[in-house]
Amino acid sequence: MRKLQLFGLILLAVVMLAMPSGASAQIAVGISVHIGPPAIPVYAQPICPGAGYMWTPGYWAYGDDGYYWVPGTWVMAPQVGFLWTPGYWGWGGGGYFWHAGYWGPHIGFYGGINYGFGYGGVGFVGGRWNGGVFAYNSAVMNVNTTVIHNTYIDKTVVVNNVNRVSYNGGQGGLTTRPTEAETQAANEHHLAATNEQMQHEHTASTNRALLASANHGQPSIAATSKAGEFTGHGVVAATHYNATNTNRPPSSNNSNHPNNAASVQRNDRPPSSGGNSGSNSNHPNNTSTSHTNNTQANNTHANNSHPSNNPPKNQSHSENKPENKPKNEGKPHKD
């Protein structure tokens, strides 16, 4: 028993040394998987349920039966001014380890994974805090502007990038490394996922339909408008990516989504595996926009402080207090 414990500690030390600077502090100790997760599914973003809700993109988690999908959802930030840095799978020490997401004043490193909806691989361009109010970029986020008024439009952050790699490092993984700003952000004061987020993940882990071995990487519950709610009109399924319709807007006859910029449903697209290609919070140079039929391609990167075309209107903030199971998938090693 002592030998096993010693081996686990040695393995953990090796993994942490192999991780990018600033990332090791976020590693979830205990599980290493020998094969990376499936690709990020393509899906539409459910409409924001109300002012103050923050988008947390879907991701592949790992359990006793392999990878399972945790649907993207809207949640309240734990405190004003905090943003969500998504978790990611990264290679190190002979396996893939999960680096947990966190809340903080700035966006940290999340592996270069393009989760979509403002999380294009580096930074976040789906919105920004304007004093004590969160303003949504309706060119990226699916919000009903007739109900939520603290919005603006910045299409310069929208780029079309269809690579859907879902892990960093290892064979076929992304090569993105953390920037100096992301390293600094990783060392700031953080808050872990909220109880609502943790319960959401737990509920997903109990749903057999969300197993990659059952849904073949196309979960029928890809996202939901409210955490933990996996049935009803707020649930959306993954769709098959079609490169021929990436520039088509959704039908204006969709009664559930008014015909305006906020009603466009967005697709999840990961970034190119070419490392740091594309813009991010420090590179606001991409200016192309793309729209799909019911699945808007909005892999986005840009300067979080980029001036908007329409400045946000003030509105009070309601503050709240993984196809078949991948081949050769290894069993998790416990450190």
C-alpha atoms as a PDB file:
ATOM      1  CA  MET A   1       0.000   0.000   0.000  1.00  0.00           C
ATOM      2  CA  ARG A   2       2.779   2.428   0.871  1.00  0.00           C
ATOM      3  CA  LYS A   3       4.548   1.581  -2.379  1.00  0.00           C
ATOM      4  CA  LEU A   4       1.368   2.393  -4.323  1.00  0.00           C
ATOM      5  CA  GLN A   5       0.973   5.679  -2.523  1.00  0.00           C
ATOM      6  CA  LEU A   6       4.604   6.560  -3.178  1.00  0.00           C
ATOM      7  CA  PHE A   7       4.204   5.686  -6.862  1.00  0.00           C
ATOM      8  CA  GLY A   8       1.135   7.895  -7.064  1.00  0.00           C
ATOM      9  CA  LEU A   9       2.937  10.849  -5.545  1.00  0.00           C
ATOM     10  CA  ILE A  10       5.880  10.415  -7.910  1.00  0.00           C
ATOM     11  CA  LEU A  11       3.552  10.220 -10.925  1.00  0.00           C
ATOM     12  CA  LEU A  12       1.704  13.329  -9.823  1.00  0.00           C
ATOM     13  CA  ALA A  13       4.961  15.242  -9.416  1.00  0.00           C
ATOM     14  CA  VAL A  14       6.073  14.236 -12.908  1.00  0.00           C
ATOM     15  CA  VAL A  15       2.725  15.291 -14.388  1.00  0.00           C
ATOM     16  CA  MET A  16       2.757  18.665 -12.696  1.00  0.00           C
ATOM     17  CA  LEU A  17       6.282  19.354 -13.914  1.00  0.00           C
ATOM     18  CA  ALA A  18       5.218  18.459 -17.453  1.00  0.00           C
ATOM     19  CA  MET A  19       2.243  20.810 -17.431  1.00  0.00           C
ATOM     20  CA  PRO A  20       2.368  24.365 -18.797  1.00  0.00           C
ATOM     21  CA  SER A  21       3.311  27.050 -16.326  1.00  0.00           C
ATOM     22  CA  GLY A  22       0.295  28.219 -14.383  1.00  0.00           C
ATOM     23  CA  ALA A  23      -1.839  25.224 -15.332  1.00  0.00           C
ATOM     24  CA  SER A  24      -0.746  22.667 -12.744  1.00  0.00           C
ATOM     25  CA  ALA A  25      -2.612  24.437  -9.986  1.00  0.00           C
ATOM     26  CA  GLN A  26      -5.895  23.562 -11.699  1.00  0.00           C
ATOM     27  CA  ILE A  27      -5.259  19.861 -12.284  1.00  0.00           C
ATOM     28  CA  ALA A  28      -7.811  17.408 -10.965  1.00  0.00           C
ATOM     29  CA  VAL A  29      -5.676  14.925  -9.066  1.00  0.00           C
ATOM     30  CA  GLY A  30      -6.497  11.250  -9.293  1.00  0.00           C
ATOM     31  CA  ILE A  31      -7.480  10.316 -12.866  1.00  0.00           C
ATOM     32  CA  SER A  32      -5.332   9.741 -15.921  1.00  0.00           C
ATOM     33  CA  VAL A  33      -6.817   8.452 -19.195  1.00  0.00           C
ATOM     34  CA  HIS A  34      -4.717   6.942 -21.986  1.00  0.00           C
ATOM     35  CA  ILE A  35      -6.858   8.298 -24.848  1.00  0.00           C
ATOM     36  CA  GLY A  36      -8.179  11.783 -25.389  1.00  0.00           C
ATOM     37  CA  PRO A  37     -11.893  12.578 -25.365  1.00  0.00           C
ATOM     38  CA  PRO A  38     -14.090  12.660 -28.500  1.00  0.00           C
ATOM     39  CA  ALA A  39     -14.397  15.793 -30.606  1.00  0.00           C
ATOM     40  CA  ILE A  40     -16.465  18.691 -29.342  1.00  0.00           C
ATOM     41  CA  PRO A  41     -20.043  18.158 -30.596  1.00  0.00           C
ATOM     42  CA  VAL A  42     -21.720  20.719 -32.841  1.00  0.00           C
ATOM     43  CA  TYR A  43     -24.798  22.190 -31.199  1.00  0.00           C
ATOM     44  CA  ALA A  44     -26.884  25.322 -30.917  1.00  0.00           C
ATOM     45  CA  GLN A  45     -26.816  27.498 -27.851  1.00  0.00           C
ATOM     46  CA  PRO A  46     -30.071  27.603 -25.897  1.00  0.00           C
ATOM     47  CA  ILE A  47     -31.429  31.079 -25.390  1.00  0.00           C
ATOM     48  CA  CYS A  48     -30.263  32.860 -22.250  1.00  0.00           C
ATOM     49  CA  PRO A  49     -32.931  32.443 -19.546  1.00  0.00           C
ATOM     50  CA  GLY A  50     -32.453  35.923 -18.098  1.00  0.00           C
ATOM     51  CA  ALA A  51     -30.199  38.833 -17.307  1.00  0.00           C
ATOM     52  CA  GLY A  52     -27.108  37.960 -15.296  1.00  0.00           C
ATOM     53  CA  TYR A  53     -26.806  34.347 -16.468  1.00  0.00           C
ATOM     54  CA  MET A  54     -23.358  33.281 -17.684  1.00  0.00           C
ATOM     55  CA  TRP A  55     -22.693  30.632 -20.332  1.00  0.00           C
ATOM     56  CA  THR A  56     -20.621  27.585 -19.306  1.00  0.00           C
ATOM     57  CA  PRO A  57     -19.784  25.455 -22.373  1.00  0.00           C
ATOM     58  CA  GLY A  58     -20.297  21.699 -22.508  1.00  0.00           C
ATOM     59  CA  TYR A  59     -17.357  19.328 -22.057  1.00  0.00           C
ATOM     60  CA  TRP A  60     -16.386  15.652 -21.879  1.00  0.00           C
ATOM     61  CA  ALA A  61     -15.952  14.303 -18.368  1.00  0.00           C
ATOM     62  CA  TYR A  62     -14.739  10.806 -17.407  1.00  0.00           C
ATOM     63  CA  GLY A  63     -16.355   8.187 -15.199  1.00  0.00           C
ATOM     64  CA  ASP A  64     -16.387   4.457 -14.552  1.00  0.00           C
ATOM     65  CA  ASP A  65     -17.944   3.784 -17.979  1.00  0.00           C
ATOM     66  CA  GLY A  66     -15.708   6.135 -19.932  1.00  0.00           C
ATOM     67  CA  TYR A  67     -16.243   9.595 -21.287  1.00  0.00           C
ATOM     68  CA  TYR A  68     -19.625  11.250 -20.917  1.00  0.00           C
ATOM     69  CA  TRP A  69     -20.865  14.626 -22.079  1.00  0.00           C
ATOM     70  CA  VAL A  70     -21.740  17.376 -19.625  1.00  0.00           C
ATOM     71  CA  PRO A  71     -24.180  19.653 -21.466  1.00  0.00           C
ATOM     72  CA  GLY A  72     -23.438  23.331 -21.837  1.00  0.00           C
ATOM     73  CA  THR A  73     -25.700  25.504 -19.720  1.00  0.00           C
ATOM     74  CA  TRP A  74     -26.410  28.934 -18.290  1.00  0.00           C
ATOM     75  CA  VAL A  75     -25.597  29.617 -14.630  1.00  0.00           C
ATOM     76  CA  MET A  76     -25.226  32.608 -12.348  1.00  0.00           C
ATOM     77  CA  ALA A  77     -21.722  33.833 -11.541  1.00  0.00           C
ATOM     78  CA  PRO A  78     -20.775  33.404  -7.883  1.00  0.00           C
ATOM     79  CA  GLN A  79     -19.993  37.107  -7.639  1.00  0.00           C
ATOM     80  CA  VAL A  80     -20.043  40.281  -9.679  1.00  0.00           C
ATOM     81  CA  GLY A  81     -17.029  40.736 -11.951  1.00  0.00           C
ATOM     82  CA  PHE A  82     -16.117  37.048 -12.169  1.00  0.00           C
ATOM     83  CA  LEU A  83     -15.840  35.121 -15.447  1.00  0.00           C
ATOM     84  CA  TRP A  84     -15.766  31.355 -16.113  1.00  0.00           C
ATOM     85  CA  THR A  85     -12.571  29.727 -17.373  1.00  0.00           C
ATOM     86  CA  PRO A  86     -13.597  26.296 -18.762  1.00  0.00           C
ATOM     87  CA  GLY A  87     -11.744  23.142 -17.787  1.00  0.00           C
ATOM     88  CA  TYR A  88      -9.793  21.074 -20.305  1.00  0.00           C
ATOM     89  CA  TRP A  89      -8.023  17.751 -20.865  1.00  0.00           C
ATOM     90  CA  GLY A  90      -4.238  18.008 -21.165  1.00  0.00           C
ATOM     91  CA  TRP A  91      -1.533  15.416 -21.848  1.00  0.00           C
ATOM     92  CA  GLY A  92       1.216  14.825 -19.316  1.00  0.00           C
ATOM     93  CA  GLY A  93       2.924  12.019 -17.430  1.00  0.00           C
ATOM     94  CA  GLY A  94       1.728   9.317 -19.844  1.00  0.00           C
ATOM     95  CA  GLY A  95      -1.962  10.205 -19.856  1.00  0.00           C
ATOM     96  CA  TYR A  96      -4.624  12.858 -20.178  1.00  0.00           C
ATOM     97  CA  PHE A  97      -5.510  14.737 -17.030  1.00  0.00           C
ATOM     98  CA  TRP A  98      -8.470  16.994 -16.418  1.00  0.00           C
ATOM     99  CA  HIS A  99      -7.760  20.579 -15.433  1.00  0.00           C
ATOM    100  CA  ALA A 100     -10.780  21.922 -13.616  1.00  0.00           C
ATOM    101  CA  GLY A 101     -12.456  25.166 -14.617  1.00  0.00           C
ATOM    102  CA  TYR A 102     -12.789  28.077 -12.244  1.00  0.00           C
ATOM    103  CA  TRP A 103     -14.319  31.510 -11.690  1.00  0.00           C
ATOM    104  CA  GLY A 104     -12.046  34.535 -11.536  1.00  0.00           C
ATOM    105  CA  PRO A 105     -11.683  38.175 -12.572  1.00  0.00           C
ATOM    106  CA  HIS A 106      -9.872  37.229 -15.777  1.00  0.00           C
ATOM    107  CA  ILE A 107      -9.976  34.295 -18.212  1.00  0.00           C
ATOM    108  CA  GLY A 108      -7.102  31.856 -17.787  1.00  0.00           C
ATOM    109  CA  PHE A 109      -5.726  29.082 -19.982  1.00  0.00           C
ATOM    110  CA  TYR A 110      -8.195  26.426 -21.122  1.00  0.00           C
ATOM    111  CA  GLY A 111      -6.019  24.407 -23.465  1.00  0.00           C
ATOM    112  CA  GLY A 112      -6.789  26.307 -26.656  1.00  0.00           C
ATOM    113  CA  ILE A 113     -10.043  24.344 -26.933  1.00  0.00           C
ATOM    114  CA  ASN A 114     -12.653  26.148 -28.989  1.00  0.00           C
ATOM    115  CA  TYR A 115     -15.782  25.474 -27.005  1.00  0.00           C
ATOM    116  CA  GLY A 116     -17.666  28.077 -29.029  1.00  0.00           C
ATOM    117  CA  PHE A 117     -20.065  30.769 -27.882  1.00  0.00           C
ATOM    118  CA  GLY A 118     -17.337  33.269 -27.061  1.00  0.00           C
ATOM    119  CA  TYR A 119     -14.810  30.688 -25.890  1.00  0.00           C
ATOM    120  CA  GLY A 120     -12.738  30.405 -29.069  1.00  0.00           C
ATOM    121  CA  GLY A 121      -9.630  28.904 -27.495  1.00  0.00           C
ATOM    122  CA  VAL A 122      -8.151  32.000 -25.900  1.00  0.00           C
ATOM    123  CA  GLY A 123     -10.037  34.520 -23.810  1.00  0.00           C
ATOM    124  CA  PHE A 124     -13.770  35.165 -23.897  1.00  0.00           C
ATOM    125  CA  VAL A 125     -15.656  37.509 -26.238  1.00  0.00           C
ATOM    126  CA  GLY A 126     -19.272  36.675 -25.419  1.00  0.00           C
ATOM    127  CA  GLY A 127     -19.662  39.602 -23.082  1.00  0.00           C
ATOM    128  CA  ARG A 128     -18.071  41.765 -20.429  1.00  0.00           C
ATOM    129  CA  TRP A 129     -18.758  43.299 -17.087  1.00  0.00           C
ATOM    130  CA  ASN A 130     -19.877  46.904 -17.220  1.00  0.00           C
ATOM    131  CA  GLY A 131     -19.620  47.965 -13.612  1.00  0.00           C
ATOM    132  CA  GLY A 132     -21.921  45.651 -11.704  1.00  0.00           C
ATOM    133  CA  VAL A 133     -23.847  44.627 -14.822  1.00  0.00           C
ATOM    134  CA  PHE A 134     -22.895  41.893 -17.315  1.00  0.00           C
ATOM    135  CA  ALA A 135     -23.377  42.977 -20.933  1.00  0.00           C
ATOM    136  CA  TYR A 136     -23.863  40.322 -23.637  1.00  0.00           C
ATOM    137  CA  ASN A 137     -22.336  40.438 -27.116  1.00  0.00           C
ATOM    138  CA  SER A 138     -25.432  39.439 -29.086  1.00  0.00           C
ATOM    139  CA  ALA A 139     -23.275  38.733 -32.148  1.00  0.00           C
ATOM    140  CA  VAL A 140     -22.009  35.716 -30.222  1.00  0.00           C
ATOM    141  CA  MET A 141     -24.495  34.936 -27.476  1.00  0.00           C
ATOM    142  CA  ASN A 142     -28.113  33.818 -27.945  1.00  0.00           C
ATOM    143  CA  VAL A 143     -30.032  36.404 -25.966  1.00  0.00           C
ATOM    144  CA  ASN A 144     -33.456  37.902 -26.602  1.00  0.00           C
ATOM    145  CA  THR A 145     -32.738  41.619 -26.810  1.00  0.00           C
ATOM    146  CA  THR A 146     -36.389  42.497 -26.337  1.00  0.00           C
ATOM    147  CA  VAL A 147     -36.113  41.073 -22.825  1.00  0.00           C
ATOM    148  CA  ILE A 148     -32.441  41.567 -21.985  1.00  0.00           C
ATOM    149  CA  HIS A 149     -31.291  45.104 -22.720  1.00  0.00           C
ATOM    150  CA  ASN A 150     -27.711  45.070 -21.415  1.00  0.00           C
ATOM    151  CA  THR A 151     -26.312  43.984 -24.794  1.00  0.00           C
ATOM    152  CA  TYR A 152     -23.990  45.175 -27.537  1.00  0.00           C
ATOM    153  CA  ILE A 153     -22.939  43.930 -30.989  1.00  0.00           C
ATOM    154  CA  ASP A 154     -19.325  43.237 -31.932  1.00  0.00           C
ATOM    155  CA  LYS A 155     -19.084  41.070 -35.049  1.00  0.00           C
ATOM    156  CA  THR A 156     -15.324  41.593 -35.420  1.00  0.00           C
ATOM    157  CA  VAL A 157     -14.741  38.809 -32.896  1.00  0.00           C
ATOM    158  CA  VAL A 158     -16.590  36.192 -34.977  1.00  0.00           C
ATOM    159  CA  VAL A 159     -14.427  33.830 -37.024  1.00  0.00           C
ATOM    160  CA  ASN A 160     -15.155  30.530 -38.762  1.00  0.00           C
ATOM    161  CA  ASN A 161     -12.952  27.705 -37.560  1.00  0.00           C
ATOM    162  CA  VAL A 162     -14.211  24.130 -37.780  1.00  0.00           C
ATOM    163  CA  ASN A 163     -11.497  22.149 -35.981  1.00  0.00           C
ATOM    164  CA  ARG A 164     -13.160  20.290 -33.111  1.00  0.00           C
ATOM    165  CA  VAL A 165     -10.179  18.855 -31.194  1.00  0.00           C
ATOM    166  CA  SER A 166     -11.091  18.617 -27.518  1.00  0.00           C
ATOM    167  CA  TYR A 167      -7.751  18.147 -25.748  1.00  0.00           C
ATOM    168  CA  ASN A 168      -4.327  19.723 -25.485  1.00  0.00           C
ATOM    169  CA  GLY A 169      -1.068  17.823 -26.098  1.00  0.00           C
ATOM    170  CA  GLY A 170      -0.462  14.202 -26.988  1.00  0.00           C
ATOM    171  CA  GLN A 171      -1.137  12.633 -30.386  1.00  0.00           C
ATOM    172  CA  GLY A 172      -3.512  14.795 -32.371  1.00  0.00           C
ATOM    173  CA  GLY A 173      -3.948  17.296 -29.567  1.00  0.00           C
ATOM    174  CA  LEU A 174      -3.710  21.051 -29.715  1.00  0.00           C
ATOM    175  CA  THR A 175      -0.306  22.669 -29.241  1.00  0.00           C
ATOM    176  CA  THR A 176      -1.497  25.912 -27.683  1.00  0.00           C
ATOM    177  CA  ARG A 177       0.489  27.066 -24.672  1.00  0.00           C
ATOM    178  CA  PRO A 178      -0.571  29.592 -22.041  1.00  0.00           C
ATOM    179  CA  THR A 179       0.205  33.249 -22.598  1.00  0.00           C
ATOM    180  CA  GLU A 180       1.768  35.420 -19.936  1.00  0.00           C
ATOM    181  CA  ALA A 181      -1.616  36.977 -19.197  1.00  0.00           C
ATOM    182  CA  GLU A 182      -3.220  33.537 -18.823  1.00  0.00           C
ATOM    183  CA  THR A 183      -0.448  32.461 -16.486  1.00  0.00           C
ATOM    184  CA  GLN A 184      -1.076  35.525 -14.368  1.00  0.00           C
ATOM    185  CA  ALA A 185      -4.814  34.861 -14.392  1.00  0.00           C
ATOM    186  CA  ALA A 186      -4.189  31.309 -13.162  1.00  0.00           C
ATOM    187  CA  ASN A 187      -2.493  32.756 -10.098  1.00  0.00           C
ATOM    188  CA  GLU A 188      -5.306  35.145  -9.188  1.00  0.00           C
ATOM    189  CA  HIS A 189      -7.946  34.537  -6.574  1.00  0.00           C
ATOM    190  CA  HIS A 190     -10.313  31.835  -7.863  1.00  0.00           C
ATOM    191  CA  LEU A 191     -13.557  30.223  -6.942  1.00  0.00           C
ATOM    192  CA  ALA A 192     -14.313  26.615  -7.862  1.00  0.00           C
ATOM    193  CA  ALA A 193     -17.394  25.553  -9.802  1.00  0.00           C
ATOM    194  CA  THR A 194     -20.576  26.417  -7.951  1.00  0.00           C
ATOM    195  CA  ASN A 195     -22.787  23.809  -6.295  1.00  0.00           C
ATOM    196  CA  GLU A 196     -25.193  24.236  -9.200  1.00  0.00           C
ATOM    197  CA  GLN A 197     -22.439  23.371 -11.690  1.00  0.00           C
ATOM    198  CA  MET A 198     -21.277  20.394  -9.648  1.00  0.00           C
ATOM    199  CA  GLN A 199     -24.817  19.029  -9.376  1.00  0.00           C
ATOM    200  CA  HIS A 200     -25.255  19.554 -13.133  1.00  0.00           C
ATOM    201  CA  GLU A 201     -22.174  17.418 -13.831  1.00  0.00           C
ATOM    202  CA  HIS A 202     -23.305  14.764 -11.364  1.00  0.00           C
ATOM    203  CA  THR A 203     -26.721  14.543 -13.036  1.00  0.00           C
ATOM    204  CA  ALA A 204     -25.015  14.158 -16.417  1.00  0.00           C
ATOM    205  CA  SER A 205     -22.881  11.318 -15.045  1.00  0.00           C
ATOM    206  CA  THR A 206     -26.025   9.331 -14.206  1.00  0.00           C
ATOM    207  CA  ASN A 207     -27.562   9.658 -17.684  1.00  0.00           C
ATOM    208  CA  ARG A 208     -26.551   6.699 -19.880  1.00  0.00           C
ATOM    209  CA  ALA A 209     -27.497   8.589 -23.046  1.00  0.00           C
ATOM    210  CA  LEU A 210     -24.649  10.996 -22.391  1.00  0.00           C
ATOM    211  CA  LEU A 211     -21.971   8.274 -22.499  1.00  0.00           C
ATOM    212  CA  ALA A 212     -19.724   8.562 -25.557  1.00  0.00           C
ATOM    213  CA  SER A 213     -20.059   4.791 -26.002  1.00  0.00           C
ATOM    214  CA  ALA A 214     -23.827   5.259 -26.332  1.00  0.00           C
ATOM    215  CA  ASN A 215     -24.138   8.491 -28.293  1.00  0.00           C
ATOM    216  CA  HIS A 216     -21.083   8.072 -30.560  1.00  0.00           C
ATOM    217  CA  GLY A 217     -20.003  11.617 -29.838  1.00  0.00           C
ATOM    218  CA  GLN A 218     -23.426  13.067 -30.766  1.00  0.00           C
ATOM    219  CA  PRO A 219     -25.252  13.551 -27.454  1.00  0.00           C
ATOM    220  CA  SER A 220     -29.000  14.061 -27.657  1.00  0.00           C
ATOM    221  CA  ILE A 221     -28.660  16.477 -24.758  1.00  0.00           C
ATOM    222  CA  ALA A 222     -25.853  18.710 -25.925  1.00  0.00           C
ATOM    223  CA  ALA A 223     -26.953  21.816 -24.044  1.00  0.00           C
ATOM    224  CA  THR A 224     -29.743  23.035 -21.830  1.00  0.00           C
ATOM    225  CA  SER A 225     -30.970  26.452 -20.861  1.00  0.00           C
ATOM    226  CA  LYS A 226     -30.983  25.624 -17.151  1.00  0.00           C
ATOM    227  CA  ALA A 227     -28.476  23.557 -15.191  1.00  0.00           C
ATOM    228  CA  GLY A 228     -29.660  20.047 -14.336  1.00  0.00           C
ATOM    229  CA  GLU A 229     -32.735  20.201 -16.591  1.00  0.00           C
ATOM    230  CA  PHE A 230     -32.276  17.553 -19.287  1.00  0.00           C
ATOM    231  CA  THR A 231     -35.818  17.484 -20.681  1.00  0.00           C
ATOM    232  CA  GLY A 232     -38.113  20.133 -22.096  1.00  0.00           C
ATOM    233  CA  HIS A 233     -38.007  22.864 -24.703  1.00  0.00           C
ATOM    234  CA  GLY A 234     -34.757  24.330 -23.356  1.00  0.00           C
ATOM    235  CA  VAL A 235     -32.775  21.212 -24.332  1.00  0.00           C
ATOM    236  CA  VAL A 236     -30.898  21.035 -27.649  1.00  0.00           C
ATOM    237  CA  ALA A 237     -29.279  18.009 -29.335  1.00  0.00           C
ATOM    238  CA  ALA A 238     -25.961  17.791 -31.143  1.00  0.00           C
ATOM    239  CA  THR A 239     -26.115  18.197 -34.908  1.00  0.00           C
ATOM    240  CA  HIS A 240     -23.880  16.902 -37.684  1.00  0.00           C
ATOM    241  CA  TYR A 241     -21.558  19.569 -38.986  1.00  0.00           C
ATOM    242  CA  ASN A 242     -22.206  20.452 -42.613  1.00  0.00           C
ATOM    243  CA  ALA A 243     -19.483  22.571 -44.198  1.00  0.00           C
ATOM    244  CA  THR A 244     -21.843  23.614 -47.009  1.00  0.00           C
ATOM    245  CA  ASN A 245     -24.246  25.556 -44.817  1.00  0.00           C
ATOM    246  CA  THR A 246     -21.917  27.521 -42.584  1.00  0.00           C
ATOM    247  CA  ASN A 247     -23.078  30.875 -43.989  1.00  0.00           C
ATOM    248  CA  ARG A 248     -26.815  30.419 -43.771  1.00  0.00           C
ATOM    249  CA  PRO A 249     -28.761  32.298 -41.106  1.00  0.00           C
ATOM    250  CA  PRO A 250     -31.581  30.600 -39.230  1.00  0.00           C
ATOM    251  CA  SER A 251     -35.122  30.888 -40.500  1.00  0.00           C
ATOM    252  CA  SER A 252     -36.925  34.003 -39.402  1.00  0.00           C
ATOM    253  CA  ASN A 253     -40.047  31.882 -38.913  1.00  0.00           C
ATOM    254  CA  ASN A 254     -38.734  30.247 -35.751  1.00  0.00           C
ATOM    255  CA  SER A 255     -41.264  31.383 -33.176  1.00  0.00           C
ATOM    256  CA  ASN A 256     -38.977  30.504 -30.313  1.00  0.00           C
ATOM    257  CA  HIS A 257     -36.228  32.810 -31.509  1.00  0.00           C
ATOM    258  CA  PRO A 258     -37.172  36.355 -32.606  1.00  0.00           C
ATOM    259  CA  ASN A 259     -35.684  37.485 -35.903  1.00  0.00           C
ATOM    260  CA  ASN A 260     -32.846  39.589 -34.581  1.00  0.00           C
ATOM    261  CA  ALA A 261     -29.127  39.286 -33.884  1.00  0.00           C
ATOM    262  CA  ALA A 262     -29.817  37.784 -30.494  1.00  0.00           C
ATOM    263  CA  SER A 263     -31.953  34.979 -31.923  1.00  0.00           C
ATOM    264  CA  VAL A 264     -29.235  33.397 -34.067  1.00  0.00           C
ATOM    265  CA  GLN A 265     -28.372  29.986 -32.663  1.00  0.00           C
ATOM    266  CA  ARG A 266     -24.666  29.378 -32.341  1.00  0.00           C
ATOM    267  CA  ASN A 267     -22.471  26.382 -33.015  1.00  0.00           C
ATOM    268  CA  ASP A 268     -19.676  25.022 -30.929  1.00  0.00           C
ATOM    269  CA  ARG A 269     -16.444  24.878 -32.947  1.00  0.00           C
ATOM    270  CA  PRO A 270     -12.956  24.124 -31.612  1.00  0.00           C
ATOM    271  CA  PRO A 271      -9.863  25.874 -32.941  1.00  0.00           C
ATOM    272  CA  SER A 272      -7.283  24.723 -35.443  1.00  0.00           C
ATOM    273  CA  SER A 273      -4.698  22.336 -34.059  1.00  0.00           C
ATOM    274  CA  GLY A 274      -2.100  24.768 -35.307  1.00  0.00           C
ATOM    275  CA  GLY A 275      -1.555  26.122 -31.854  1.00  0.00           C
ATOM    276  CA  ASN A 276      -2.215  29.793 -31.362  1.00  0.00           C
ATOM    277  CA  SER A 277      -3.655  30.512 -34.774  1.00  0.00           C
ATOM    278  CA  GLY A 278      -6.602  32.863 -34.777  1.00  0.00           C
ATOM    279  CA  SER A 279      -7.208  35.849 -32.604  1.00  0.00           C
ATOM    280  CA  ASN A 280      -7.782  35.892 -28.903  1.00  0.00           C
ATOM    281  CA  SER A 281      -8.006  38.303 -26.056  1.00  0.00           C
ATOM    282  CA  ASN A 282      -4.722  39.770 -27.179  1.00  0.00           C
ATOM    283  CA  HIS A 283      -5.185  39.470 -30.954  1.00  0.00           C
ATOM    284  CA  PRO A 284      -8.410  41.141 -32.159  1.00  0.00           C
ATOM    285  CA  ASN A 285      -7.685  40.783 -35.867  1.00  0.00           C
ATOM    286  CA  ASN A 286     -10.285  38.343 -37.143  1.00  0.00           C
ATOM    287  CA  THR A 287     -13.197  40.090 -38.762  1.00  0.00           C
ATOM    288  CA  SER A 288     -15.109  37.417 -40.682  1.00  0.00           C
ATOM    289  CA  THR A 289     -18.591  36.398 -39.616  1.00  0.00           C
ATOM    290  CA  SER A 290     -20.401  33.142 -40.325  1.00  0.00           C
ATOM    291  CA  HIS A 291     -23.917  31.850 -39.736  1.00  0.00           C
ATOM    292  CA  THR A 292     -25.402  28.370 -40.030  1.00  0.00           C
ATOM    293  CA  ASN A 293     -28.954  27.152 -40.352  1.00  0.00           C
ATOM    294  CA  ASN A 294     -29.932  26.743 -36.712  1.00  0.00           C
ATOM    295  CA  THR A 295     -26.274  26.151 -35.793  1.00  0.00           C
ATOM    296  CA  GLN A 296     -24.324  29.364 -35.930  1.00  0.00           C
ATOM    297  CA  ALA A 297     -20.553  28.928 -36.376  1.00  0.00           C
ATOM    298  CA  ASN A 298     -19.091  31.471 -34.021  1.00  0.00           C
ATOM    299  CA  ASN A 299     -15.701  30.329 -32.952  1.00  0.00           C
ATOM    300  CA  THR A 300     -14.533  33.548 -31.512  1.00  0.00           C
ATOM    301  CA  HIS A 301     -11.415  35.171 -30.213  1.00  0.00           C
ATOM    302  CA  ALA A 302     -10.776  38.842 -29.530  1.00  0.00           C
ATOM    303  CA  ASN A 303      -9.862  41.595 -27.136  1.00  0.00           C
ATOM    304  CA  ASN A 304     -12.269  41.569 -24.230  1.00  0.00           C
ATOM    305  CA  SER A 305     -12.104  45.338 -24.159  1.00  0.00           C
ATOM    306  CA  HIS A 306     -12.745  45.786 -27.893  1.00  0.00           C
ATOM    307  CA  PRO A 307     -15.120  48.746 -28.384  1.00  0.00           C
ATOM    308  CA  SER A 308     -18.606  47.644 -29.302  1.00  0.00           C
ATOM    309  CA  ASN A 309     -20.700  48.888 -32.164  1.00  0.00           C
ATOM    310  CA  ASN A 310     -23.577  49.484 -29.821  1.00  0.00           C
ATOM    311  CA  PRO A 311     -22.683  50.252 -26.224  1.00  0.00           C
ATOM    312  CA  PRO A 312     -24.581  48.225 -23.641  1.00  0.00           C
ATOM    313  CA  LYS A 313     -27.580  49.649 -21.948  1.00  0.00           C
ATOM    314  CA  ASN A 314     -27.601  49.555 -18.204  1.00  0.00           C
ATOM    315  CA  GLN A 315     -29.722  46.955 -16.559  1.00  0.00           C
ATOM    316  CA  SER A 316     -29.503  45.801 -12.989  1.00  0.00           C
ATOM    317  CA  HIS A 317     -27.653  42.535 -12.437  1.00  0.00           C
ATOM    318  CA  SER A 318     -29.484  39.729 -10.706  1.00  0.00           C
ATOM    319  CA  GLU A 319     -26.671  38.535  -8.537  1.00  0.00           C
ATOM    320  CA  ASN A 320     -26.853  35.047  -7.159  1.00  0.00           C
ATOM    321  CA  LYS A 321     -25.838  35.023  -4.000  1.00  0.00           C
ATOM    322  CA  PRO A 322     -17.553  11.506 -23.599  1.00  0.00           C
ATOM    323  CA  GLU A 323     -19.485   6.592 -31.705  1.00  0.00           C
ATOM    324  CA  ASN A 324     -18.722   3.622 -29.512  1.00  0.00           C
ATOM    325  CA  LYS A 325     -16.511   3.899 -26.570  1.00  0.00           C
ATOM    326  CA  PRO A 326     -13.219   5.136 -27.992  1.00  0.00           C
ATOM    327  CA  LYS A 327     -11.016   2.314 -29.141  1.00  0.00           C
ATOM    328  CA  ASN A 328      -8.157   1.331 -26.887  1.00  0.00           C
ATOM    329  CA  GLU A 329      -9.463   3.610 -24.217  1.00  0.00           C
ATOM    330  CA  GLY A 330      -7.472   2.943 -21.138  1.00  0.00           C
ATOM    331  CA  LYS A 331      -8.881   2.521 -17.742  1.00  0.00           C
ATOM    332  CA  PRO A 332      -8.206   5.417 -15.456  1.00  0.00           C
ATOM    333  CA  HIS A 333      -5.134   5.257 -13.300  1.00  0.00           C
ATOM    334  CA  LYS A 334      -5.570   6.500  -9.824  1.00  0.00           C
ATOM    335  CA  ASP A 335      -2.660   8.437  -8.452  1.00  0.00           C
END
